[in-house]
N, C-alpha and C. Protein backbone atom coordinates (compact mmCIF):
# COMPACT_ATOMS: atom_id res chain seq x y z
N UNK A 1 120.39 61.43 109.69
CA UNK A 1 120.53 62.84 110.05
C UNK A 1 120.51 63.72 108.79
N UNK A 2 121.19 63.24 107.72
CA UNK A 2 121.24 63.99 106.48
C UNK A 2 119.88 64.17 105.87
N UNK A 3 119.02 63.14 105.94
CA UNK A 3 117.68 63.23 105.36
C UNK A 3 116.82 64.24 106.10
N UNK A 4 116.98 64.30 107.45
CA UNK A 4 116.24 65.28 108.24
C UNK A 4 116.66 66.70 107.88
N UNK A 5 117.98 66.90 107.69
CA UNK A 5 118.48 68.22 107.32
C UNK A 5 117.97 68.62 105.93
N UNK A 6 117.94 67.66 105.01
CA UNK A 6 117.43 67.93 103.66
C UNK A 6 115.96 68.33 103.73
N UNK A 7 115.18 67.62 104.58
CA UNK A 7 113.75 67.93 104.74
C UNK A 7 113.57 69.32 105.32
N UNK A 8 114.40 69.66 106.33
CA UNK A 8 114.30 70.96 106.99
C UNK A 8 114.60 72.10 106.00
N UNK A 9 115.67 71.91 105.19
CA UNK A 9 116.05 72.93 104.21
C UNK A 9 114.95 73.11 103.16
N UNK A 10 114.38 71.99 102.71
CA UNK A 10 113.29 72.06 101.71
C UNK A 10 112.10 72.80 102.27
N UNK A 11 111.74 72.50 103.53
CA UNK A 11 110.62 73.16 104.18
C UNK A 11 110.88 74.65 104.34
N UNK A 12 112.13 74.99 104.69
CA UNK A 12 112.50 76.40 104.86
C UNK A 12 112.39 77.16 103.54
N UNK A 13 112.84 76.54 102.43
CA UNK A 13 112.77 77.19 101.12
C UNK A 13 111.33 77.41 100.69
N UNK A 14 110.48 76.41 100.96
CA UNK A 14 109.06 76.54 100.63
C UNK A 14 108.43 77.68 101.42
N UNK A 15 108.78 77.75 102.72
CA UNK A 15 108.23 78.81 103.59
C UNK A 15 108.65 80.19 103.11
N UNK A 16 109.94 80.32 102.75
CA UNK A 16 110.44 81.62 102.25
C UNK A 16 109.73 82.01 100.96
N UNK A 17 109.52 81.03 100.08
CA UNK A 17 108.83 81.28 98.81
C UNK A 17 107.41 81.77 99.05
N UNK A 18 106.71 81.13 99.99
CA UNK A 18 105.33 81.52 100.29
C UNK A 18 105.26 82.90 100.91
N UNK A 19 106.24 83.23 101.75
CA UNK A 19 106.25 84.54 102.39
C UNK A 19 106.45 85.65 101.39
N UNK A 20 107.24 85.38 100.33
CA UNK A 20 107.52 86.41 99.34
C UNK A 20 106.54 86.40 98.17
N UNK A 21 105.74 85.33 98.06
CA UNK A 21 104.75 85.27 96.98
C UNK A 21 103.58 86.18 97.31
N UNK A 22 103.07 86.88 96.31
CA UNK A 22 101.90 87.71 96.59
C UNK A 22 100.67 86.82 96.70
N UNK A 23 99.63 87.37 97.32
CA UNK A 23 98.42 86.57 97.60
C UNK A 23 97.70 86.18 96.32
N UNK A 24 97.82 86.98 95.27
CA UNK A 24 97.18 86.62 94.00
C UNK A 24 97.79 85.36 93.41
N UNK A 25 99.05 85.09 93.72
CA UNK A 25 99.72 83.90 93.21
C UNK A 25 99.02 82.64 93.71
N UNK A 26 98.50 82.72 94.93
CA UNK A 26 97.80 81.58 95.50
C UNK A 26 96.32 81.57 95.13
N UNK A 27 95.79 82.74 94.76
CA UNK A 27 94.37 82.86 94.46
C UNK A 27 94.06 82.59 92.99
N UNK A 28 94.87 83.16 92.08
CA UNK A 28 94.65 82.97 90.65
C UNK A 28 95.26 81.66 90.17
N UNK A 29 94.68 81.09 89.15
CA UNK A 29 95.21 79.85 88.59
C UNK A 29 96.53 80.11 87.87
N UNK A 30 97.33 79.06 87.71
CA UNK A 30 98.60 79.19 87.00
C UNK A 30 98.35 79.52 85.54
N UNK A 31 99.19 80.35 84.93
CA UNK A 31 99.01 80.73 83.52
C UNK A 31 99.06 79.52 82.59
N UNK A 32 98.21 79.52 81.59
CA UNK A 32 98.23 78.47 80.57
C UNK A 32 99.41 78.71 79.63
N UNK A 33 99.66 77.76 78.73
CA UNK A 33 100.76 77.92 77.77
C UNK A 33 100.55 79.14 76.89
N UNK A 34 99.29 79.42 76.50
CA UNK A 34 99.01 80.59 75.68
C UNK A 34 99.29 81.88 76.46
N UNK A 35 98.92 81.91 77.72
CA UNK A 35 99.18 83.09 78.55
C UNK A 35 100.68 83.33 78.67
N UNK A 36 101.44 82.27 78.89
CA UNK A 36 102.89 82.40 79.00
C UNK A 36 103.50 82.90 77.69
N UNK A 37 102.96 82.42 76.59
CA UNK A 37 103.43 82.85 75.27
C UNK A 37 103.14 84.34 75.06
N UNK A 38 101.94 84.75 75.48
CA UNK A 38 101.56 86.16 75.34
C UNK A 38 102.41 87.07 76.23
N UNK A 39 102.78 86.56 77.40
CA UNK A 39 103.61 87.35 78.31
C UNK A 39 104.94 87.72 77.66
N UNK A 40 105.50 86.79 76.88
CA UNK A 40 106.80 87.01 76.26
C UNK A 40 106.76 88.12 75.21
N UNK A 41 105.61 88.29 74.56
CA UNK A 41 105.50 89.32 73.52
C UNK A 41 104.65 90.52 73.96
N UNK A 42 104.37 90.60 75.26
CA UNK A 42 103.53 91.68 75.78
C UNK A 42 104.19 93.05 75.61
N UNK A 43 103.37 94.07 75.35
CA UNK A 43 103.84 95.44 75.24
C UNK A 43 102.92 96.34 76.07
N UNK A 44 103.49 97.45 76.54
CA UNK A 44 102.67 98.42 77.28
C UNK A 44 101.56 98.95 76.38
N UNK A 45 100.47 99.38 77.00
CA UNK A 45 99.40 100.01 76.23
C UNK A 45 99.94 101.29 75.58
N UNK A 46 99.30 101.73 74.53
CA UNK A 46 99.82 102.86 73.73
C UNK A 46 100.02 104.13 74.55
N UNK A 47 99.03 104.45 75.39
CA UNK A 47 99.13 105.69 76.19
C UNK A 47 98.75 105.37 77.65
N UNK A 48 99.73 104.96 78.46
CA UNK A 48 99.44 104.69 79.88
C UNK A 48 98.93 105.96 80.57
N UNK A 49 97.96 105.80 81.44
CA UNK A 49 97.39 106.95 82.13
C UNK A 49 98.30 107.42 83.26
N UNK A 50 98.35 108.73 83.45
CA UNK A 50 99.03 109.33 84.60
C UNK A 50 97.97 109.53 85.68
N UNK A 51 98.29 109.22 86.92
CA UNK A 51 97.31 109.33 88.01
C UNK A 51 96.94 110.78 88.27
N UNK A 52 95.65 111.07 88.28
CA UNK A 52 95.15 112.40 88.63
C UNK A 52 94.78 112.41 90.11
N UNK A 53 94.71 113.58 90.70
CA UNK A 53 94.44 113.69 92.13
C UNK A 53 93.00 113.35 92.49
N UNK A 54 92.09 113.52 91.56
CA UNK A 54 90.69 113.26 91.87
C UNK A 54 90.37 111.77 91.67
N UNK A 55 89.87 111.15 92.74
CA UNK A 55 89.48 109.75 92.66
C UNK A 55 87.97 109.69 92.42
N UNK A 56 87.58 109.32 91.20
CA UNK A 56 86.17 109.11 90.90
C UNK A 56 86.07 107.87 90.02
N UNK A 57 84.88 107.62 89.48
CA UNK A 57 84.67 106.40 88.70
C UNK A 57 85.49 106.39 87.41
N UNK A 58 86.01 107.56 87.01
CA UNK A 58 86.82 107.64 85.79
C UNK A 58 88.32 107.60 86.07
N UNK A 59 88.72 107.33 87.33
CA UNK A 59 90.14 107.31 87.67
C UNK A 59 90.86 106.21 86.89
N UNK A 60 92.03 106.53 86.35
CA UNK A 60 92.85 105.57 85.60
C UNK A 60 94.31 105.75 85.99
N UNK A 61 95.05 104.64 85.93
CA UNK A 61 96.50 104.71 86.08
C UNK A 61 97.13 103.56 85.30
N UNK A 62 98.21 103.87 84.58
CA UNK A 62 98.92 102.83 83.84
C UNK A 62 98.07 102.20 82.75
N UNK A 63 98.17 100.90 82.64
CA UNK A 63 97.40 100.16 81.62
C UNK A 63 96.25 99.36 82.20
N UNK A 64 96.18 99.25 83.56
CA UNK A 64 95.18 98.37 84.16
C UNK A 64 94.37 98.97 85.31
N UNK A 65 94.85 100.02 85.96
CA UNK A 65 94.17 100.53 87.15
C UNK A 65 92.99 101.43 86.77
N UNK A 66 91.81 101.06 87.18
CA UNK A 66 90.62 101.85 86.90
C UNK A 66 89.42 100.96 86.65
N UNK A 67 88.27 101.45 87.02
CA UNK A 67 87.04 100.68 86.85
C UNK A 67 86.74 100.46 85.37
N UNK A 68 86.58 99.19 84.97
CA UNK A 68 86.27 98.87 83.58
C UNK A 68 87.41 99.12 82.62
N UNK A 69 88.64 99.18 83.16
CA UNK A 69 89.81 99.50 82.33
C UNK A 69 90.88 98.45 82.57
N UNK A 70 91.43 97.85 81.53
CA UNK A 70 91.14 98.07 80.10
C UNK A 70 89.83 97.39 79.71
N UNK A 71 89.23 97.83 78.64
CA UNK A 71 87.91 97.33 78.24
C UNK A 71 88.05 96.11 77.32
N UNK A 72 88.67 95.04 77.84
CA UNK A 72 88.81 93.81 77.07
C UNK A 72 87.58 92.94 77.26
N UNK A 73 87.11 92.31 76.20
CA UNK A 73 85.91 91.47 76.29
C UNK A 73 86.20 90.11 75.66
N UNK A 74 85.38 89.14 76.05
CA UNK A 74 85.51 87.79 75.51
C UNK A 74 85.09 87.77 74.04
N UNK A 75 85.66 86.86 73.28
CA UNK A 75 85.28 86.71 71.87
C UNK A 75 83.82 86.27 71.73
N UNK A 76 83.27 85.71 72.82
CA UNK A 76 81.87 85.25 72.79
C UNK A 76 80.90 86.37 73.13
N UNK A 77 81.45 87.55 73.54
CA UNK A 77 80.64 88.71 73.94
C UNK A 77 79.78 88.45 75.18
N UNK A 78 80.07 87.40 75.93
CA UNK A 78 79.36 87.14 77.18
C UNK A 78 79.96 88.02 78.28
N UNK A 79 79.18 88.25 79.33
CA UNK A 79 79.71 88.88 80.52
C UNK A 79 80.73 87.93 81.14
N UNK A 80 81.78 88.49 81.77
CA UNK A 80 82.79 87.60 82.35
C UNK A 80 82.21 86.71 83.45
N UNK A 81 81.06 87.11 84.00
CA UNK A 81 80.40 86.29 85.02
C UNK A 81 79.82 85.00 84.44
N UNK A 82 79.58 84.97 83.13
CA UNK A 82 78.91 83.83 82.50
C UNK A 82 79.84 82.97 81.63
N UNK A 83 81.13 83.22 81.71
CA UNK A 83 82.07 82.48 80.88
C UNK A 83 82.39 81.12 81.50
N UNK A 84 82.61 80.12 80.63
CA UNK A 84 83.10 78.84 81.15
C UNK A 84 84.62 78.94 81.30
N UNK A 85 85.25 77.88 81.79
CA UNK A 85 86.68 77.95 82.11
C UNK A 85 87.53 78.24 80.87
N UNK A 86 87.24 77.59 79.75
CA UNK A 86 88.03 77.83 78.54
C UNK A 86 87.87 79.27 78.05
N UNK A 87 86.66 79.80 78.16
CA UNK A 87 86.41 81.19 77.73
C UNK A 87 87.12 82.18 78.66
N UNK A 88 87.16 81.86 79.95
CA UNK A 88 87.89 82.71 80.90
C UNK A 88 89.37 82.72 80.56
N UNK A 89 89.92 81.53 80.30
CA UNK A 89 91.34 81.44 79.96
C UNK A 89 91.67 82.25 78.70
N UNK A 90 90.77 82.19 77.71
CA UNK A 90 90.99 82.91 76.45
C UNK A 90 90.96 84.42 76.69
N UNK A 91 90.05 84.88 77.54
CA UNK A 91 89.96 86.31 77.84
C UNK A 91 91.19 86.77 78.63
N UNK A 92 91.59 85.98 79.61
CA UNK A 92 92.76 86.35 80.42
C UNK A 92 94.02 86.38 79.57
N UNK A 93 94.09 85.50 78.57
CA UNK A 93 95.26 85.50 77.67
C UNK A 93 95.41 86.86 77.00
N UNK A 94 94.29 87.55 76.74
CA UNK A 94 94.36 88.89 76.14
C UNK A 94 95.01 89.88 77.10
N UNK A 95 94.74 89.72 78.40
CA UNK A 95 95.34 90.60 79.40
C UNK A 95 96.85 90.44 79.40
N UNK A 96 97.30 89.22 79.20
CA UNK A 96 98.75 88.97 79.24
C UNK A 96 99.48 89.52 78.02
N UNK A 97 98.76 89.99 77.01
CA UNK A 97 99.38 90.65 75.87
C UNK A 97 99.76 92.10 76.20
N UNK A 98 99.23 92.61 77.32
CA UNK A 98 99.52 93.98 77.76
C UNK A 98 100.49 93.91 78.94
N UNK A 99 101.55 94.66 78.86
CA UNK A 99 102.56 94.66 79.91
C UNK A 99 102.30 95.79 80.90
N UNK A 100 102.15 95.49 82.20
CA UNK A 100 101.96 96.56 83.19
C UNK A 100 103.16 97.50 83.20
N UNK A 101 102.92 98.77 83.47
CA UNK A 101 104.03 99.73 83.43
C UNK A 101 104.90 99.65 84.67
N UNK A 102 104.34 99.15 85.80
CA UNK A 102 105.13 99.06 87.03
C UNK A 102 104.43 98.11 88.01
N UNK A 103 104.91 98.07 89.24
CA UNK A 103 104.38 97.13 90.24
C UNK A 103 102.95 97.44 90.64
N UNK A 104 102.59 98.71 90.73
CA UNK A 104 101.21 99.08 91.08
C UNK A 104 100.27 98.62 89.98
N UNK A 105 100.64 98.89 88.75
CA UNK A 105 99.83 98.50 87.59
C UNK A 105 99.70 96.97 87.52
N UNK A 106 100.75 96.26 87.89
CA UNK A 106 100.72 94.80 87.87
C UNK A 106 99.71 94.25 88.88
N UNK A 107 99.62 94.88 90.05
CA UNK A 107 98.63 94.46 91.05
C UNK A 107 97.22 94.66 90.50
N UNK A 108 97.01 95.78 89.79
CA UNK A 108 95.70 96.04 89.18
C UNK A 108 95.37 94.96 88.14
N UNK A 109 96.37 94.55 87.37
CA UNK A 109 96.17 93.50 86.36
C UNK A 109 95.76 92.20 87.03
N UNK A 110 96.46 91.83 88.09
CA UNK A 110 96.16 90.57 88.80
C UNK A 110 94.77 90.61 89.42
N UNK A 111 94.36 91.81 89.83
CA UNK A 111 93.00 91.96 90.39
C UNK A 111 91.94 91.75 89.31
N UNK A 112 92.18 92.29 88.12
CA UNK A 112 91.26 92.08 86.99
C UNK A 112 91.13 90.59 86.68
N UNK A 113 92.26 89.90 86.67
CA UNK A 113 92.26 88.46 86.38
C UNK A 113 91.52 87.70 87.46
N UNK A 114 91.68 88.12 88.69
CA UNK A 114 90.96 87.48 89.81
C UNK A 114 89.46 87.61 89.61
N UNK A 115 88.99 88.79 89.20
CA UNK A 115 87.57 88.99 88.93
C UNK A 115 87.06 88.01 87.88
N UNK A 116 87.84 87.85 86.82
CA UNK A 116 87.40 86.97 85.73
C UNK A 116 87.33 85.53 86.21
N UNK A 117 88.33 85.09 86.96
CA UNK A 117 88.31 83.71 87.46
C UNK A 117 87.16 83.47 88.42
N UNK A 118 86.89 84.46 89.28
CA UNK A 118 85.81 84.30 90.26
C UNK A 118 84.44 84.33 89.60
N UNK A 119 84.34 85.02 88.45
CA UNK A 119 83.07 85.09 87.75
C UNK A 119 82.11 86.12 88.31
N UNK A 120 82.51 86.82 89.36
CA UNK A 120 81.69 87.87 89.96
C UNK A 120 82.60 88.75 90.80
N UNK A 121 82.08 89.86 91.27
CA UNK A 121 82.89 90.77 92.08
C UNK A 121 83.04 90.22 93.50
N UNK A 122 83.83 89.19 93.64
CA UNK A 122 84.02 88.57 94.94
C UNK A 122 84.88 89.46 95.83
N UNK A 123 84.47 89.63 97.10
CA UNK A 123 85.19 90.52 98.00
C UNK A 123 86.61 90.02 98.27
N UNK A 124 86.84 88.71 98.13
CA UNK A 124 88.17 88.18 98.36
C UNK A 124 89.18 88.83 97.41
N UNK A 125 88.80 89.01 96.15
CA UNK A 125 89.69 89.68 95.19
C UNK A 125 90.00 91.10 95.66
N UNK A 126 88.99 91.79 96.16
CA UNK A 126 89.18 93.17 96.63
C UNK A 126 90.09 93.22 97.85
N UNK A 127 89.91 92.26 98.77
CA UNK A 127 90.73 92.24 99.98
C UNK A 127 92.20 91.99 99.64
N UNK A 128 92.45 91.05 98.73
CA UNK A 128 93.83 90.75 98.32
C UNK A 128 94.43 91.95 97.60
N UNK A 129 93.63 92.60 96.75
CA UNK A 129 94.07 93.81 96.05
C UNK A 129 94.54 94.86 97.04
N UNK A 130 93.74 95.09 98.06
CA UNK A 130 94.07 96.07 99.10
C UNK A 130 95.35 95.66 99.84
N UNK A 131 95.45 94.39 100.21
CA UNK A 131 96.62 93.91 100.96
C UNK A 131 97.91 94.06 100.16
N UNK A 132 97.85 93.72 98.86
CA UNK A 132 99.05 93.81 98.04
C UNK A 132 99.49 95.26 97.84
N UNK A 133 98.52 96.17 97.69
CA UNK A 133 98.87 97.58 97.55
C UNK A 133 99.42 98.15 98.85
N UNK A 134 98.90 97.67 99.97
CA UNK A 134 99.42 98.10 101.27
C UNK A 134 100.88 97.67 101.42
N UNK A 135 101.18 96.42 101.00
CA UNK A 135 102.56 95.94 101.08
C UNK A 135 103.48 96.77 100.19
N UNK A 136 103.01 97.11 98.99
CA UNK A 136 103.80 97.96 98.10
C UNK A 136 104.01 99.34 98.72
N UNK A 137 102.94 99.88 99.30
CA UNK A 137 103.03 101.19 99.94
C UNK A 137 104.08 101.18 101.05
N UNK A 138 104.10 100.13 101.84
CA UNK A 138 105.08 100.02 102.93
C UNK A 138 106.50 99.94 102.39
N UNK A 139 106.69 99.23 101.27
CA UNK A 139 108.03 99.11 100.68
C UNK A 139 108.52 100.46 100.15
N UNK A 140 107.61 101.20 99.51
CA UNK A 140 108.00 102.52 99.01
C UNK A 140 108.31 103.47 100.17
N UNK A 141 107.57 103.33 101.26
CA UNK A 141 107.81 104.17 102.44
C UNK A 141 109.19 103.90 103.02
N UNK A 142 109.57 102.62 103.06
CA UNK A 142 110.90 102.27 103.58
C UNK A 142 111.99 102.81 102.67
N UNK A 143 111.77 102.76 101.37
CA UNK A 143 112.74 103.31 100.42
C UNK A 143 112.90 104.82 100.65
N UNK A 144 111.78 105.50 100.87
CA UNK A 144 111.81 106.95 101.10
C UNK A 144 112.53 107.28 102.41
N UNK A 145 112.37 106.43 103.41
CA UNK A 145 113.04 106.65 104.70
C UNK A 145 114.55 106.49 104.56
N UNK A 146 114.96 105.50 103.78
CA UNK A 146 116.39 105.24 103.60
C UNK A 146 117.05 106.31 102.74
N UNK A 147 116.28 106.84 101.79
CA UNK A 147 116.81 107.87 100.91
C UNK A 147 115.90 109.09 100.98
N UNK A 148 116.28 110.04 101.81
CA UNK A 148 115.42 111.21 102.05
C UNK A 148 115.22 112.07 100.80
N UNK A 149 116.06 111.85 99.79
CA UNK A 149 115.92 112.62 98.55
C UNK A 149 114.98 111.94 97.55
N UNK A 150 114.45 110.76 97.93
CA UNK A 150 113.62 110.01 97.00
C UNK A 150 112.17 110.49 97.05
N UNK A 151 111.91 111.62 96.40
CA UNK A 151 110.53 112.12 96.35
C UNK A 151 109.67 111.20 95.49
N UNK A 152 110.30 110.51 94.52
CA UNK A 152 109.57 109.56 93.68
C UNK A 152 108.98 108.44 94.54
N UNK A 153 109.75 107.92 95.48
CA UNK A 153 109.27 106.84 96.35
C UNK A 153 108.04 107.29 97.14
N UNK A 154 108.04 108.53 97.61
CA UNK A 154 106.88 109.03 98.35
C UNK A 154 105.67 109.19 97.44
N UNK A 155 105.90 109.61 96.20
CA UNK A 155 104.78 109.73 95.26
C UNK A 155 104.18 108.34 95.00
N UNK A 156 105.05 107.35 94.84
CA UNK A 156 104.57 105.97 94.61
C UNK A 156 103.87 105.43 95.85
N UNK A 157 104.41 105.78 97.01
CA UNK A 157 103.79 105.33 98.27
C UNK A 157 102.39 105.88 98.41
N UNK A 158 102.21 107.16 98.11
CA UNK A 158 100.89 107.78 98.20
C UNK A 158 99.91 107.13 97.22
N UNK A 159 100.38 106.89 96.01
CA UNK A 159 99.48 106.32 94.99
C UNK A 159 99.04 104.91 95.36
N UNK A 160 99.99 104.06 95.76
CA UNK A 160 99.65 102.69 96.14
C UNK A 160 98.67 102.69 97.31
N UNK A 161 98.94 103.52 98.30
CA UNK A 161 98.08 103.60 99.47
C UNK A 161 96.69 104.11 99.12
N UNK A 162 96.63 105.18 98.34
CA UNK A 162 95.34 105.80 98.01
C UNK A 162 94.48 104.92 97.11
N UNK A 163 95.09 104.27 96.12
CA UNK A 163 94.30 103.39 95.26
C UNK A 163 93.69 102.27 96.10
N UNK A 164 94.50 101.67 96.98
CA UNK A 164 94.01 100.58 97.80
C UNK A 164 92.89 100.99 98.72
N UNK A 165 93.09 102.09 99.44
CA UNK A 165 92.09 102.54 100.42
C UNK A 165 90.82 103.04 99.75
N UNK A 166 90.98 103.90 98.74
CA UNK A 166 89.80 104.46 98.07
C UNK A 166 89.01 103.36 97.37
N UNK A 167 89.72 102.43 96.71
CA UNK A 167 89.02 101.33 96.03
C UNK A 167 88.24 100.50 97.04
N UNK A 168 88.88 100.15 98.14
CA UNK A 168 88.23 99.27 99.12
C UNK A 168 87.03 99.94 99.78
N UNK A 169 87.13 101.23 100.04
CA UNK A 169 86.06 101.90 100.76
C UNK A 169 84.93 102.40 99.86
N UNK A 170 85.26 102.76 98.61
CA UNK A 170 84.24 103.39 97.76
C UNK A 170 83.86 102.52 96.56
N UNK A 171 84.85 102.05 95.80
CA UNK A 171 84.56 101.35 94.55
C UNK A 171 84.54 99.83 94.70
N UNK A 172 85.16 99.29 95.76
CA UNK A 172 85.35 97.84 95.83
C UNK A 172 84.41 97.13 96.76
N UNK A 173 83.15 97.47 96.75
CA UNK A 173 82.21 96.87 97.70
C UNK A 173 82.06 95.37 97.50
N UNK A 174 82.08 94.90 96.25
CA UNK A 174 81.93 93.47 95.99
C UNK A 174 80.48 93.05 96.13
N UNK A 175 80.09 92.01 95.40
CA UNK A 175 78.71 91.55 95.46
C UNK A 175 78.37 90.91 96.79
N UNK A 176 79.38 90.37 97.50
CA UNK A 176 79.09 89.64 98.72
C UNK A 176 79.52 90.41 99.97
N UNK A 177 79.59 91.74 99.89
CA UNK A 177 79.93 92.55 101.04
C UNK A 177 78.70 92.70 101.93
N UNK A 178 78.83 92.35 103.21
CA UNK A 178 77.69 92.41 104.12
C UNK A 178 77.30 93.86 104.40
N UNK A 179 76.04 94.07 104.81
CA UNK A 179 75.56 95.41 105.12
C UNK A 179 76.32 95.99 106.31
N UNK A 180 76.67 95.12 107.28
CA UNK A 180 77.41 95.60 108.45
C UNK A 180 78.79 96.09 108.04
N UNK A 181 79.45 95.32 107.16
CA UNK A 181 80.78 95.70 106.72
C UNK A 181 80.72 96.97 105.88
N UNK A 182 79.71 97.08 105.02
CA UNK A 182 79.54 98.29 104.22
C UNK A 182 79.35 99.50 105.13
N UNK A 183 78.55 99.34 106.19
CA UNK A 183 78.32 100.43 107.12
C UNK A 183 79.60 100.88 107.80
N UNK A 184 80.44 99.89 108.20
CA UNK A 184 81.71 100.21 108.84
C UNK A 184 82.62 100.98 107.89
N UNK A 185 82.65 100.54 106.62
CA UNK A 185 83.47 101.23 105.64
C UNK A 185 83.04 102.68 105.48
N UNK A 186 81.73 102.87 105.33
CA UNK A 186 81.23 104.21 105.03
C UNK A 186 81.36 105.14 106.24
N UNK A 187 81.19 104.59 107.47
CA UNK A 187 81.23 105.44 108.66
C UNK A 187 82.64 105.73 109.14
N UNK A 188 83.57 104.79 108.89
CA UNK A 188 84.92 104.94 109.43
C UNK A 188 85.95 105.20 108.35
N UNK A 189 86.06 104.27 107.41
CA UNK A 189 87.16 104.33 106.44
C UNK A 189 87.04 105.47 105.45
N UNK A 190 85.83 105.69 104.91
CA UNK A 190 85.68 106.73 103.88
C UNK A 190 85.99 108.12 104.42
N UNK A 191 85.44 108.54 105.58
CA UNK A 191 85.83 109.85 106.12
C UNK A 191 87.33 109.95 106.38
N UNK A 192 87.96 108.84 106.86
CA UNK A 192 89.40 108.86 107.10
C UNK A 192 90.15 109.03 105.80
N UNK A 193 89.65 108.40 104.73
CA UNK A 193 90.30 108.54 103.42
C UNK A 193 90.25 109.98 102.95
N UNK A 194 89.10 110.60 103.08
CA UNK A 194 88.93 111.99 102.66
C UNK A 194 89.83 112.91 103.48
N UNK A 195 89.89 112.66 104.81
CA UNK A 195 90.74 113.47 105.67
C UNK A 195 92.21 113.28 105.30
N UNK A 196 92.61 112.01 105.05
CA UNK A 196 93.99 111.71 104.68
C UNK A 196 94.39 112.44 103.40
N UNK A 197 93.50 112.44 102.41
CA UNK A 197 93.81 113.11 101.15
C UNK A 197 93.90 114.62 101.35
N UNK A 198 93.10 115.14 102.30
CA UNK A 198 93.17 116.56 102.60
C UNK A 198 94.51 116.94 103.20
N UNK A 199 95.02 116.08 104.11
CA UNK A 199 96.32 116.32 104.73
C UNK A 199 97.42 116.23 103.67
N UNK A 200 97.34 115.21 102.80
CA UNK A 200 98.32 115.05 101.74
C UNK A 200 98.32 116.25 100.81
N UNK A 201 97.11 116.77 100.54
CA UNK A 201 96.99 117.93 99.64
C UNK A 201 97.70 119.14 100.24
N UNK A 202 97.50 119.34 101.56
CA UNK A 202 98.15 120.47 102.23
C UNK A 202 99.65 120.33 102.19
N UNK A 203 100.13 119.11 102.49
CA UNK A 203 101.57 118.85 102.47
C UNK A 203 102.13 119.04 101.07
N UNK A 204 101.37 118.60 100.09
CA UNK A 204 101.78 118.73 98.68
C UNK A 204 101.98 120.19 98.30
N UNK A 205 101.04 121.03 98.75
CA UNK A 205 101.13 122.45 98.40
C UNK A 205 102.31 123.12 99.12
N UNK A 206 102.55 122.69 100.37
CA UNK A 206 103.64 123.28 101.14
C UNK A 206 105.01 122.91 100.54
N UNK A 207 105.11 121.66 100.06
CA UNK A 207 106.39 121.20 99.53
C UNK A 207 106.56 121.46 98.03
N UNK A 208 105.50 121.96 97.40
CA UNK A 208 105.53 122.22 95.97
C UNK A 208 105.99 120.97 95.20
N UNK A 209 105.40 119.84 95.54
CA UNK A 209 105.80 118.56 94.95
C UNK A 209 104.56 117.86 94.41
N UNK A 210 104.71 117.16 93.28
CA UNK A 210 103.58 116.42 92.72
C UNK A 210 103.11 115.36 93.72
N UNK A 211 101.80 115.19 93.81
CA UNK A 211 101.25 114.24 94.77
C UNK A 211 101.49 112.80 94.33
N UNK A 212 101.35 112.53 93.02
CA UNK A 212 101.51 111.18 92.49
C UNK A 212 102.63 111.14 91.45
N UNK A 213 103.02 109.92 91.00
CA UNK A 213 104.15 109.81 90.06
C UNK A 213 104.00 110.66 88.81
N UNK A 214 105.12 111.18 88.35
CA UNK A 214 105.16 111.98 87.14
C UNK A 214 105.07 111.07 85.91
N UNK A 215 104.89 111.67 84.75
CA UNK A 215 104.67 110.90 83.53
C UNK A 215 105.81 109.94 83.21
N UNK A 216 107.02 110.32 83.55
CA UNK A 216 108.18 109.49 83.20
C UNK A 216 108.62 108.58 84.34
N UNK A 217 107.88 108.55 85.45
CA UNK A 217 108.26 107.75 86.61
C UNK A 217 107.50 106.42 86.63
N UNK A 218 108.18 105.38 87.10
CA UNK A 218 107.59 104.04 87.21
C UNK A 218 107.74 103.56 88.65
N UNK A 219 106.66 103.05 89.22
CA UNK A 219 106.66 102.65 90.63
C UNK A 219 107.01 101.17 90.79
N UNK A 220 108.28 100.87 90.65
CA UNK A 220 108.78 99.51 90.88
C UNK A 220 109.88 99.59 91.93
N UNK A 221 109.68 98.97 93.11
CA UNK A 221 110.68 99.06 94.19
C UNK A 221 112.04 98.52 93.75
């Protein structure tokens, strides 16, 4: 009987761990010893970007959120699509020298690493990116509901939600996105995103509140 109970408890702990682990944890490879070493001495980038209201190809946030940002390259100067496993590990180790400013920025970092491991703009990385930001957005929303004075939580909720949706619909097509799926995104999701931002803009003006986190705010639940 004791062995069955021990097995049940072990299974329960594993299940709880998997439920709380983000999807990138299962998708990206475990950090190498060099990556772990770099994590210990990691520092934030010199000037983390503050999120601007306009989402275009130049959008940046923190140290990792944005197309082609940060601009880290392999020592071999190859495209990340053509790197072998050792070269990928060496490039990713550089990412671990930079510390994300908060939870949103950390998701962006994990997405960059996913791209490097996949060797191409695989849609799976984009889907996980969107899912993780949605989960963060929901957590910030719950914080805002519990504390009606937490305008910071709402700013973080908007940013997490908008980065995920706008990236998935406009910037995150991926090399293997089907034409049917692209059509659905462009016909349904993109107009909804534009409408959603319009509603947020109106609410922002009415409440005289910043739409996204302020320079001194960090979005960590």
